[in-house]
Amino acid sequence: MKLLGALLILIAGTLIGFQQAARFADRPKQIRQLSHSLQRLETEIGYGHTPLPEALLRTAEASSEPVASLFGGTAERLSMADGLTFQQCWEQSIKRGWNETSMKASEQGVLLRLGSTLGISDKEDQMKHLRMALLQLQAEEDAAKDDQRRYEKMWKSLGALLAVLIIILML
């Protein structure tokens, strides 16, 4: 019975470590997906002359989850016509869908700042702010890759080692 309990603790600890490591691996991928989505939005606004709600919807359709829900949620809220501004719809969508991502508060801040400028200025100004957000996200992606290199292996090992420590303490 003790052996079975020890085995379950070892498996659980290892899985927790691998789950944490996966979050470090997912973060750069999701930032890259977000950057591609913002580039798509920039193209829709700048070259397609697409209205913002439709551009957001097209961007969501071309994106993968969880990034797609950030854009799709904003487009959905804008279509409700309940008197909310674009910035309010954007913030609600970002805050509601953020827990589904592996991204951190710094990336969220970039998006929230972007939302305060989209929809209230001309096309050129919106494109300028989108490019600035892309540059900021590139810096965040580089930092996320560094974190991944630094912490991914550590969490994989740490989960198993903590499980072994718990087993030793229980015996």
N, C-alpha and C. Protein backbone atom coordinates (compact mmCIF):
# COMPACT_ATOMS: atom_id res chain seq x y z
N MET A 1 0.83 -1.19 0.00
CA MET A 1 0.00 0.00 0.00
C MET A 1 0.88 1.26 0.00
N LYS A 2 1.95 1.23 0.81
CA LYS A 2 2.85 2.37 0.84
C LYS A 2 3.52 2.58 -0.51
N LEU A 3 3.86 1.48 -1.14
CA LEU A 3 4.51 1.57 -2.45
C LEU A 3 3.59 2.20 -3.48
N LEU A 4 2.32 1.83 -3.45
CA LEU A 4 1.35 2.42 -4.37
C LEU A 4 1.17 3.91 -4.09
N GLY A 5 1.09 4.28 -2.83
CA GLY A 5 0.99 5.70 -2.46
C GLY A 5 2.21 6.49 -2.90
N ALA A 6 3.39 5.89 -2.71
CA ALA A 6 4.63 6.55 -3.12
C ALA A 6 4.67 6.74 -4.63
N LEU A 7 4.21 5.73 -5.34
CA LEU A 7 4.18 5.81 -6.81
C LEU A 7 3.22 6.91 -7.27
N LEU A 8 2.06 7.00 -6.63
CA LEU A 8 1.09 8.04 -6.99
C LEU A 8 1.64 9.44 -6.70
N ILE A 9 2.32 9.59 -5.59
CA ILE A 9 2.93 10.88 -5.25
C ILE A 9 4.00 11.24 -6.27
N LEU A 10 4.81 10.27 -6.65
CA LEU A 10 5.86 10.51 -7.65
C LEU A 10 5.26 10.91 -8.99
N ILE A 11 4.21 10.23 -9.40
CA ILE A 11 3.56 10.56 -10.67
C ILE A 11 2.94 11.95 -10.60
N ALA A 12 2.25 12.26 -9.51
CA ALA A 12 1.61 13.57 -9.37
C ALA A 12 2.64 14.69 -9.36
N GLY A 13 3.71 14.52 -8.61
CA GLY A 13 4.75 15.55 -8.56
C GLY A 13 5.40 15.77 -9.91
N THR A 14 5.67 14.67 -10.60
CA THR A 14 6.27 14.79 -11.93
C THR A 14 5.33 15.49 -12.90
N LEU A 15 4.05 15.14 -12.86
CA LEU A 15 3.08 15.80 -13.75
C LEU A 15 2.94 17.29 -13.45
N ILE A 16 2.98 17.64 -12.18
CA ILE A 16 2.91 19.07 -11.82
C ILE A 16 4.13 19.80 -12.36
N GLY A 17 5.29 19.20 -12.23
CA GLY A 17 6.50 19.81 -12.77
C GLY A 17 6.44 19.97 -14.28
N PHE A 18 5.95 18.95 -14.97
CA PHE A 18 5.83 19.04 -16.43
C PHE A 18 4.78 20.05 -16.85
N GLN A 19 3.72 20.20 -16.05
CA GLN A 19 2.70 21.19 -16.36
C GLN A 19 3.26 22.61 -16.23
N GLN A 20 4.02 22.86 -15.19
CA GLN A 20 4.66 24.17 -15.03
C GLN A 20 5.66 24.43 -16.16
N ALA A 21 6.42 23.40 -16.54
CA ALA A 21 7.38 23.55 -17.63
C ALA A 21 6.66 23.85 -18.94
N ALA A 22 5.50 23.25 -19.14
CA ALA A 22 4.72 23.50 -20.36
C ALA A 22 4.26 24.95 -20.44
N ARG A 23 3.95 25.56 -19.31
CA ARG A 23 3.55 26.97 -19.32
C ARG A 23 4.72 27.85 -19.79
N PHE A 24 5.93 27.50 -19.38
CA PHE A 24 7.10 28.25 -19.85
C PHE A 24 7.33 28.03 -21.34
N ALA A 25 7.01 26.85 -21.84
CA ALA A 25 7.17 26.57 -23.27
C ALA A 25 6.06 27.22 -24.09
N ASP A 26 4.86 27.33 -23.53
CA ASP A 26 3.72 27.90 -24.26
C ASP A 26 3.79 29.41 -24.39
N ARG A 27 4.39 30.07 -23.43
CA ARG A 27 4.40 31.53 -23.42
C ARG A 27 5.03 32.13 -24.67
N PRO A 28 6.24 31.74 -25.10
CA PRO A 28 6.78 32.33 -26.33
C PRO A 28 5.93 32.02 -27.57
N LYS A 29 5.35 30.83 -27.61
CA LYS A 29 4.49 30.47 -28.74
C LYS A 29 3.26 31.37 -28.80
N GLN A 30 2.65 31.59 -27.65
CA GLN A 30 1.45 32.42 -27.62
C GLN A 30 1.77 33.88 -27.92
N ILE A 31 2.91 34.36 -27.48
CA ILE A 31 3.30 35.73 -27.81
C ILE A 31 3.51 35.85 -29.32
N ARG A 32 4.12 34.84 -29.91
CA ARG A 32 4.33 34.84 -31.36
C ARG A 32 2.98 34.81 -32.09
N GLN A 33 2.03 33.99 -31.60
CA GLN A 33 0.70 33.95 -32.19
C GLN A 33 0.01 35.31 -32.07
N LEU A 34 0.17 35.93 -30.92
CA LEU A 34 -0.41 37.26 -30.70
C LEU A 34 0.19 38.27 -31.66
N SER A 35 1.50 38.20 -31.87
CA SER A 35 2.16 39.11 -32.80
C SER A 35 1.65 38.91 -34.22
N HIS A 36 1.50 37.65 -34.62
CA HIS A 36 0.96 37.37 -35.96
C HIS A 36 -0.46 37.90 -36.10
N SER A 37 -1.25 37.76 -35.04
CA SER A 37 -2.62 38.26 -35.07
C SER A 37 -2.66 39.78 -35.18
N LEU A 38 -1.76 40.45 -34.45
CA LEU A 38 -1.71 41.92 -34.54
C LEU A 38 -1.24 42.36 -35.93
N GLN A 39 -0.32 41.60 -36.54
CA GLN A 39 0.09 41.91 -37.91
C GLN A 39 -1.08 41.74 -38.87
N ARG A 40 -1.87 40.71 -38.64
CA ARG A 40 -3.06 40.49 -39.47
C ARG A 40 -4.04 41.64 -39.29
N LEU A 41 -4.24 42.08 -38.05
CA LEU A 41 -5.13 43.21 -37.77
C LEU A 41 -4.61 44.47 -38.44
N GLU A 42 -3.30 44.68 -38.40
CA GLU A 42 -2.70 45.84 -39.07
C GLU A 42 -2.96 45.80 -40.57
N THR A 43 -2.84 44.63 -41.17
CA THR A 43 -3.11 44.49 -42.59
C THR A 43 -4.57 44.76 -42.91
N GLU A 44 -5.46 44.24 -42.09
CA GLU A 44 -6.90 44.47 -42.31
C GLU A 44 -7.25 45.95 -42.22
N ILE A 45 -6.67 46.63 -41.24
CA ILE A 45 -6.98 48.05 -41.06
C ILE A 45 -6.30 48.90 -42.12
N GLY A 46 -5.01 48.65 -42.32
CA GLY A 46 -4.23 49.52 -43.19
C GLY A 46 -4.42 49.31 -44.66
N TYR A 47 -4.50 48.06 -45.08
CA TYR A 47 -4.53 47.79 -46.52
C TYR A 47 -5.89 47.32 -47.00
N GLY A 48 -6.63 46.67 -46.11
CA GLY A 48 -7.96 46.21 -46.48
C GLY A 48 -9.03 47.24 -46.23
N HIS A 49 -8.70 48.30 -45.50
CA HIS A 49 -9.67 49.35 -45.13
C HIS A 49 -10.92 48.73 -44.50
N THR A 50 -10.71 47.69 -43.71
CA THR A 50 -11.80 46.97 -43.08
C THR A 50 -12.21 47.68 -41.79
N PRO A 51 -13.51 47.84 -41.56
CA PRO A 51 -13.94 48.42 -40.28
C PRO A 51 -13.43 47.57 -39.11
N LEU A 52 -13.17 48.21 -38.00
CA LEU A 52 -12.53 47.56 -36.87
C LEU A 52 -13.26 46.31 -36.37
N PRO A 53 -14.59 46.32 -36.18
CA PRO A 53 -15.24 45.08 -35.71
C PRO A 53 -15.05 43.91 -36.68
N GLU A 54 -15.16 44.18 -37.95
CA GLU A 54 -14.97 43.12 -38.95
C GLU A 54 -13.51 42.68 -39.01
N ALA A 55 -12.58 43.62 -38.88
CA ALA A 55 -11.16 43.28 -38.87
C ALA A 55 -10.82 42.40 -37.68
N LEU A 56 -11.41 42.69 -36.53
CA LEU A 56 -11.19 41.86 -35.34
C LEU A 56 -11.75 40.46 -35.54
N LEU A 57 -12.93 40.37 -36.16
CA LEU A 57 -13.53 39.07 -36.40
C LEU A 57 -12.69 38.25 -37.37
N ARG A 58 -12.21 38.86 -38.43
CA ARG A 58 -11.36 38.16 -39.40
C ARG A 58 -10.05 37.72 -38.74
N THR A 59 -9.51 38.57 -37.90
CA THR A 59 -8.28 38.22 -37.19
C THR A 59 -8.51 37.04 -36.26
N ALA A 60 -9.63 37.03 -35.57
CA ALA A 60 -9.96 35.91 -34.67
C ALA A 60 -10.11 34.62 -35.46
N GLU A 61 -10.74 34.70 -36.62
CA GLU A 61 -10.93 33.50 -37.44
C GLU A 61 -9.60 32.94 -37.94
N ALA A 62 -8.63 33.81 -38.18
CA ALA A 62 -7.33 33.38 -38.69
C ALA A 62 -6.37 32.97 -37.58
N SER A 63 -6.74 33.20 -36.34
CA SER A 63 -5.86 32.92 -35.20
C SER A 63 -6.27 31.62 -34.54
N SER A 64 -5.35 31.09 -33.73
CA SER A 64 -5.66 29.89 -32.96
C SER A 64 -5.90 30.28 -31.51
N GLU A 65 -6.57 29.40 -30.80
CA GLU A 65 -6.86 29.65 -29.39
C GLU A 65 -5.58 29.58 -28.59
N PRO A 66 -5.46 30.28 -27.51
CA PRO A 66 -6.41 31.16 -26.84
C PRO A 66 -6.39 32.59 -27.36
N VAL A 67 -5.50 32.91 -28.31
CA VAL A 67 -5.39 34.27 -28.83
C VAL A 67 -6.65 34.67 -29.59
N ALA A 68 -7.25 33.73 -30.31
CA ALA A 68 -8.44 34.03 -31.11
C ALA A 68 -9.58 34.55 -30.25
N SER A 69 -9.72 34.02 -29.05
CA SER A 69 -10.83 34.45 -28.18
C SER A 69 -10.67 35.90 -27.73
N LEU A 70 -9.43 36.39 -27.66
CA LEU A 70 -9.22 37.79 -27.27
C LEU A 70 -9.80 38.73 -28.33
N PHE A 71 -9.54 38.42 -29.59
CA PHE A 71 -10.04 39.26 -30.69
C PHE A 71 -11.53 39.00 -30.94
N GLY A 72 -11.92 37.73 -30.91
CA GLY A 72 -13.32 37.39 -31.15
C GLY A 72 -14.24 37.95 -30.08
N GLY A 73 -13.78 37.92 -28.83
CA GLY A 73 -14.59 38.47 -27.75
C GLY A 73 -14.82 39.95 -27.89
N THR A 74 -13.80 40.66 -28.36
CA THR A 74 -13.95 42.11 -28.58
C THR A 74 -14.94 42.37 -29.70
N ALA A 75 -14.81 41.64 -30.80
CA ALA A 75 -15.73 41.82 -31.94
C ALA A 75 -17.16 41.51 -31.52
N GLU A 76 -17.33 40.50 -30.71
CA GLU A 76 -18.66 40.12 -30.24
C GLU A 76 -19.26 41.22 -29.36
N ARG A 77 -18.46 41.76 -28.46
CA ARG A 77 -18.95 42.82 -27.58
C ARG A 77 -19.28 44.09 -28.36
N LEU A 78 -18.49 44.38 -29.38
CA LEU A 78 -18.76 45.57 -30.19
C LEU A 78 -20.07 45.43 -30.96
N SER A 79 -20.39 44.22 -31.39
CA SER A 79 -21.61 44.00 -32.16
C SER A 79 -22.86 44.04 -31.29
N MET A 80 -22.72 43.94 -29.98
CA MET A 80 -23.87 43.96 -29.08
C MET A 80 -24.54 45.32 -29.02
N ALA A 81 -23.82 46.37 -29.34
CA ALA A 81 -24.34 47.73 -29.35
C ALA A 81 -24.98 48.10 -28.01
N ASP A 82 -24.26 47.84 -26.92
CA ASP A 82 -24.78 48.18 -25.60
C ASP A 82 -24.16 49.46 -25.05
N GLY A 83 -23.60 50.28 -25.93
CA GLY A 83 -23.09 51.58 -25.54
C GLY A 83 -21.67 51.60 -25.02
N LEU A 84 -20.99 50.47 -25.06
CA LEU A 84 -19.61 50.45 -24.60
C LEU A 84 -18.67 50.96 -25.69
N THR A 85 -17.62 51.63 -25.27
CA THR A 85 -16.61 52.09 -26.22
C THR A 85 -15.74 50.92 -26.64
N PHE A 86 -14.95 51.13 -27.69
CA PHE A 86 -14.04 50.07 -28.12
C PHE A 86 -13.08 49.70 -27.00
N GLN A 87 -12.54 50.69 -26.32
CA GLN A 87 -11.58 50.43 -25.25
C GLN A 87 -12.20 49.56 -24.15
N GLN A 88 -13.42 49.83 -23.79
CA GLN A 88 -14.09 49.04 -22.75
C GLN A 88 -14.31 47.60 -23.21
N CYS A 89 -14.74 47.43 -24.46
CA CYS A 89 -14.94 46.09 -25.01
C CYS A 89 -13.62 45.34 -25.07
N TRP A 90 -12.57 46.02 -25.50
CA TRP A 90 -11.24 45.42 -25.61
C TRP A 90 -10.74 44.97 -24.24
N GLU A 91 -10.84 45.87 -23.25
CA GLU A 91 -10.37 45.54 -21.90
C GLU A 91 -11.14 44.38 -21.31
N GLN A 92 -12.46 44.37 -21.48
CA GLN A 92 -13.26 43.26 -20.95
C GLN A 92 -12.85 41.94 -21.59
N SER A 93 -12.66 41.95 -22.89
CA SER A 93 -12.28 40.73 -23.59
C SER A 93 -10.90 40.25 -23.17
N ILE A 94 -9.95 41.17 -23.06
CA ILE A 94 -8.59 40.80 -22.65
C ILE A 94 -8.60 40.24 -21.24
N LYS A 95 -9.26 40.92 -20.33
CA LYS A 95 -9.27 40.47 -18.93
C LYS A 95 -10.02 39.16 -18.76
N ARG A 96 -11.08 38.96 -19.52
CA ARG A 96 -11.85 37.73 -19.40
C ARG A 96 -11.10 36.53 -19.96
N GLY A 97 -10.40 36.71 -21.07
CA GLY A 97 -9.72 35.59 -21.71
C GLY A 97 -8.28 35.39 -21.28
N TRP A 98 -7.75 36.27 -20.45
CA TRP A 98 -6.32 36.22 -20.13
C TRP A 98 -5.92 34.98 -19.34
N ASN A 99 -6.81 34.50 -18.48
CA ASN A 99 -6.47 33.34 -17.66
C ASN A 99 -6.28 32.08 -18.49
N GLU A 100 -6.79 32.07 -19.70
CA GLU A 100 -6.63 30.91 -20.58
C GLU A 100 -5.26 30.89 -21.25
N THR A 101 -4.53 31.98 -21.17
CA THR A 101 -3.22 32.06 -21.82
C THR A 101 -2.11 31.75 -20.82
N SER A 102 -0.91 31.56 -21.36
CA SER A 102 0.28 31.38 -20.52
C SER A 102 1.07 32.67 -20.43
N MET A 103 0.53 33.74 -20.99
CA MET A 103 1.23 35.01 -21.01
C MET A 103 1.12 35.71 -19.66
N LYS A 104 2.01 36.67 -19.46
CA LYS A 104 2.09 37.37 -18.18
C LYS A 104 1.48 38.78 -18.27
N ALA A 105 1.54 39.48 -17.17
CA ALA A 105 0.94 40.81 -17.08
C ALA A 105 1.61 41.81 -18.01
N SER A 106 2.87 41.63 -18.34
CA SER A 106 3.55 42.59 -19.22
C SER A 106 2.93 42.56 -20.62
N GLU A 107 2.61 41.36 -21.12
CA GLU A 107 1.96 41.28 -22.43
C GLU A 107 0.54 41.83 -22.36
N GLN A 108 -0.13 41.59 -21.24
CA GLN A 108 -1.47 42.13 -21.07
C GLN A 108 -1.42 43.66 -21.08
N GLY A 109 -0.42 44.23 -20.45
CA GLY A 109 -0.28 45.68 -20.43
C GLY A 109 -0.08 46.25 -21.82
N VAL A 110 0.69 45.56 -22.65
CA VAL A 110 0.89 46.01 -24.04
C VAL A 110 -0.45 46.05 -24.75
N LEU A 111 -1.25 45.00 -24.59
CA LEU A 111 -2.55 44.96 -25.26
C LEU A 111 -3.52 46.00 -24.72
N LEU A 112 -3.52 46.20 -23.42
CA LEU A 112 -4.43 47.20 -22.85
C LEU A 112 -4.06 48.61 -23.31
N ARG A 113 -2.76 48.90 -23.40
CA ARG A 113 -2.35 50.21 -23.92
C ARG A 113 -2.75 50.36 -25.38
N LEU A 114 -2.62 49.29 -26.14
CA LEU A 114 -3.01 49.33 -27.54
C LEU A 114 -4.51 49.61 -27.68
N GLY A 115 -5.30 48.99 -26.82
CA GLY A 115 -6.75 49.17 -26.87
C GLY A 115 -7.19 50.60 -26.61
N SER A 116 -6.38 51.35 -25.89
CA SER A 116 -6.75 52.74 -25.62
C SER A 116 -6.57 53.63 -26.83
N THR A 117 -5.85 53.15 -27.86
CA THR A 117 -5.62 53.98 -29.05
C THR A 117 -6.37 53.48 -30.28
N LEU A 118 -6.70 52.20 -30.32
CA LEU A 118 -7.42 51.69 -31.48
C LEU A 118 -8.85 52.20 -31.49
N GLY A 119 -9.35 52.47 -32.64
CA GLY A 119 -10.74 52.87 -32.79
C GLY A 119 -11.02 54.34 -32.55
N ILE A 120 -10.04 55.11 -32.07
CA ILE A 120 -10.31 56.52 -31.81
C ILE A 120 -9.43 57.44 -32.64
N SER A 121 -8.57 56.85 -33.45
CA SER A 121 -7.67 57.68 -34.25
C SER A 121 -7.76 57.25 -35.71
N ASP A 122 -7.04 57.97 -36.56
CA ASP A 122 -7.08 57.63 -37.98
C ASP A 122 -6.26 56.38 -38.27
N LYS A 123 -6.35 55.90 -39.49
CA LYS A 123 -5.73 54.65 -39.89
C LYS A 123 -4.22 54.67 -39.67
N GLU A 124 -3.57 55.76 -40.03
CA GLU A 124 -2.11 55.84 -39.91
C GLU A 124 -1.67 55.76 -38.45
N ASP A 125 -2.40 56.45 -37.59
CA ASP A 125 -2.06 56.43 -36.17
C ASP A 125 -2.28 55.04 -35.57
N GLN A 126 -3.36 54.38 -35.98
CA GLN A 126 -3.62 53.02 -35.49
C GLN A 126 -2.52 52.06 -35.94
N MET A 127 -2.08 52.20 -37.18
CA MET A 127 -1.02 51.33 -37.68
C MET A 127 0.29 51.58 -36.93
N LYS A 128 0.55 52.85 -36.59
CA LYS A 128 1.76 53.19 -35.83
C LYS A 128 1.72 52.53 -34.46
N HIS A 129 0.56 52.58 -33.80
CA HIS A 129 0.43 51.98 -32.47
C HIS A 129 0.50 50.45 -32.55
N LEU A 130 -0.03 49.86 -33.61
CA LEU A 130 0.08 48.42 -33.79
C LEU A 130 1.54 48.00 -33.97
N ARG A 131 2.30 48.77 -34.74
CA ARG A 131 3.72 48.45 -34.94
C ARG A 131 4.49 48.59 -33.63
N MET A 132 4.15 49.61 -32.84
CA MET A 132 4.82 49.81 -31.56
C MET A 132 4.50 48.63 -30.62
N ALA A 133 3.26 48.18 -30.61
CA ALA A 133 2.88 47.03 -29.79
C ALA A 133 3.63 45.78 -30.25
N LEU A 134 3.80 45.63 -31.55
CA LEU A 134 4.55 44.49 -32.08
C LEU A 134 6.00 44.50 -31.62
N LEU A 135 6.60 45.69 -31.59
CA LEU A 135 7.98 45.79 -31.10
C LEU A 135 8.07 45.43 -29.62
N GLN A 136 7.11 45.89 -28.85
CA GLN A 136 7.10 45.57 -27.42
C GLN A 136 6.90 44.06 -27.21
N LEU A 137 6.02 43.47 -28.02
CA LEU A 137 5.80 42.03 -27.89
C LEU A 137 7.03 41.23 -28.31
N GLN A 138 7.79 41.74 -29.27
CA GLN A 138 9.02 41.07 -29.67
C GLN A 138 10.00 41.03 -28.50
N ALA A 139 10.10 42.14 -27.78
CA ALA A 139 10.98 42.18 -26.60
C ALA A 139 10.48 41.20 -25.54
N GLU A 140 9.16 41.12 -25.36
CA GLU A 140 8.60 40.19 -24.38
C GLU A 140 8.82 38.74 -24.81
N GLU A 141 8.75 38.48 -26.11
CA GLU A 141 9.00 37.13 -26.61
C GLU A 141 10.45 36.72 -26.35
N ASP A 142 11.37 37.64 -26.56
CA ASP A 142 12.78 37.34 -26.27
C ASP A 142 12.98 37.02 -24.79
N ALA A 143 12.33 37.79 -23.93
CA ALA A 143 12.43 37.53 -22.48
C ALA A 143 11.78 36.19 -22.13
N ALA A 144 10.67 35.87 -22.80
CA ALA A 144 10.00 34.60 -22.54
C ALA A 144 10.85 33.41 -22.97
N LYS A 145 11.58 33.58 -24.08
CA LYS A 145 12.48 32.51 -24.52
C LYS A 145 13.61 32.31 -23.52
N ASP A 146 14.12 33.41 -22.97
CA ASP A 146 15.15 33.30 -21.93
C ASP A 146 14.61 32.57 -20.70
N ASP A 147 13.39 32.94 -20.28
CA ASP A 147 12.76 32.27 -19.15
C ASP A 147 12.55 30.79 -19.43
N GLN A 148 12.15 30.49 -20.65
CA GLN A 148 11.93 29.09 -21.01
C GLN A 148 13.24 28.31 -20.90
N ARG A 149 14.31 28.85 -21.45
CA ARG A 149 15.60 28.16 -21.36
C ARG A 149 16.05 27.99 -19.91
N ARG A 150 15.76 29.00 -19.11
CA ARG A 150 16.23 29.00 -17.74
C ARG A 150 15.40 28.09 -16.82
N TYR A 151 14.08 28.08 -17.00
CA TYR A 151 13.22 27.44 -16.01
C TYR A 151 12.52 26.16 -16.46
N GLU A 152 12.48 25.88 -17.74
CA GLU A 152 11.73 24.71 -18.19
C GLU A 152 12.33 23.41 -17.62
N LYS A 153 13.62 23.20 -17.78
CA LYS A 153 14.26 21.99 -17.25
C LYS A 153 14.18 21.94 -15.73
N MET A 154 14.32 23.13 -15.12
CA MET A 154 14.27 23.18 -13.67
C MET A 154 12.94 22.66 -13.15
N TRP A 155 11.82 23.08 -13.75
CA TRP A 155 10.52 22.65 -13.26
C TRP A 155 10.28 21.18 -13.50
N LYS A 156 10.78 20.66 -14.62
CA LYS A 156 10.63 19.22 -14.87
C LYS A 156 11.33 18.42 -13.77
N SER A 157 12.53 18.84 -13.44
CA SER A 157 13.28 18.13 -12.40
C SER A 157 12.71 18.39 -11.02
N LEU A 158 12.33 19.63 -10.77
CA LEU A 158 11.84 20.01 -9.45
C LEU A 158 10.59 19.25 -9.06
N GLY A 159 9.68 19.03 -10.01
CA GLY A 159 8.46 18.29 -9.69
C GLY A 159 8.76 16.89 -9.21
N ALA A 160 9.64 16.20 -9.92
CA ALA A 160 9.99 14.83 -9.53
C ALA A 160 10.77 14.83 -8.22
N LEU A 161 11.70 15.77 -8.06
CA LEU A 161 12.51 15.80 -6.84
C LEU A 161 11.67 16.13 -5.60
N LEU A 162 10.74 17.04 -5.73
CA LEU A 162 9.86 17.34 -4.59
C LEU A 162 8.99 16.15 -4.23
N ALA A 163 8.54 15.43 -5.26
CA ALA A 163 7.75 14.22 -4.99
C ALA A 163 8.60 13.19 -4.25
N VAL A 164 9.84 13.02 -4.64
CA VAL A 164 10.74 12.09 -3.96
C VAL A 164 10.97 12.54 -2.52
N LEU A 165 11.14 13.84 -2.31
CA LEU A 165 11.32 14.37 -0.95
C LEU A 165 10.10 14.06 -0.09
N ILE A 166 8.92 14.26 -0.63
CA ILE A 166 7.69 13.97 0.13
C ILE A 166 7.63 12.49 0.47
N ILE A 167 7.99 11.65 -0.48
CA ILE A 167 7.99 10.20 -0.24
C ILE A 167 8.96 9.83 0.88
N ILE A 168 10.15 10.42 0.82
CA ILE A 168 11.15 10.14 1.85
C ILE A 168 10.68 10.60 3.22
N LEU A 169 10.07 11.77 3.28
CA LEU A 169 9.56 12.27 4.56
C LEU A 169 8.41 11.42 5.10
N MET A 170 7.62 10.86 4.20
CA MET A 170 6.49 10.02 4.66
C MET A 170 6.95 8.67 5.16
N LEU A 171 8.05 8.19 4.63
CA LEU A 171 8.53 6.87 5.05
C LEU A 171 9.30 7.03 6.29
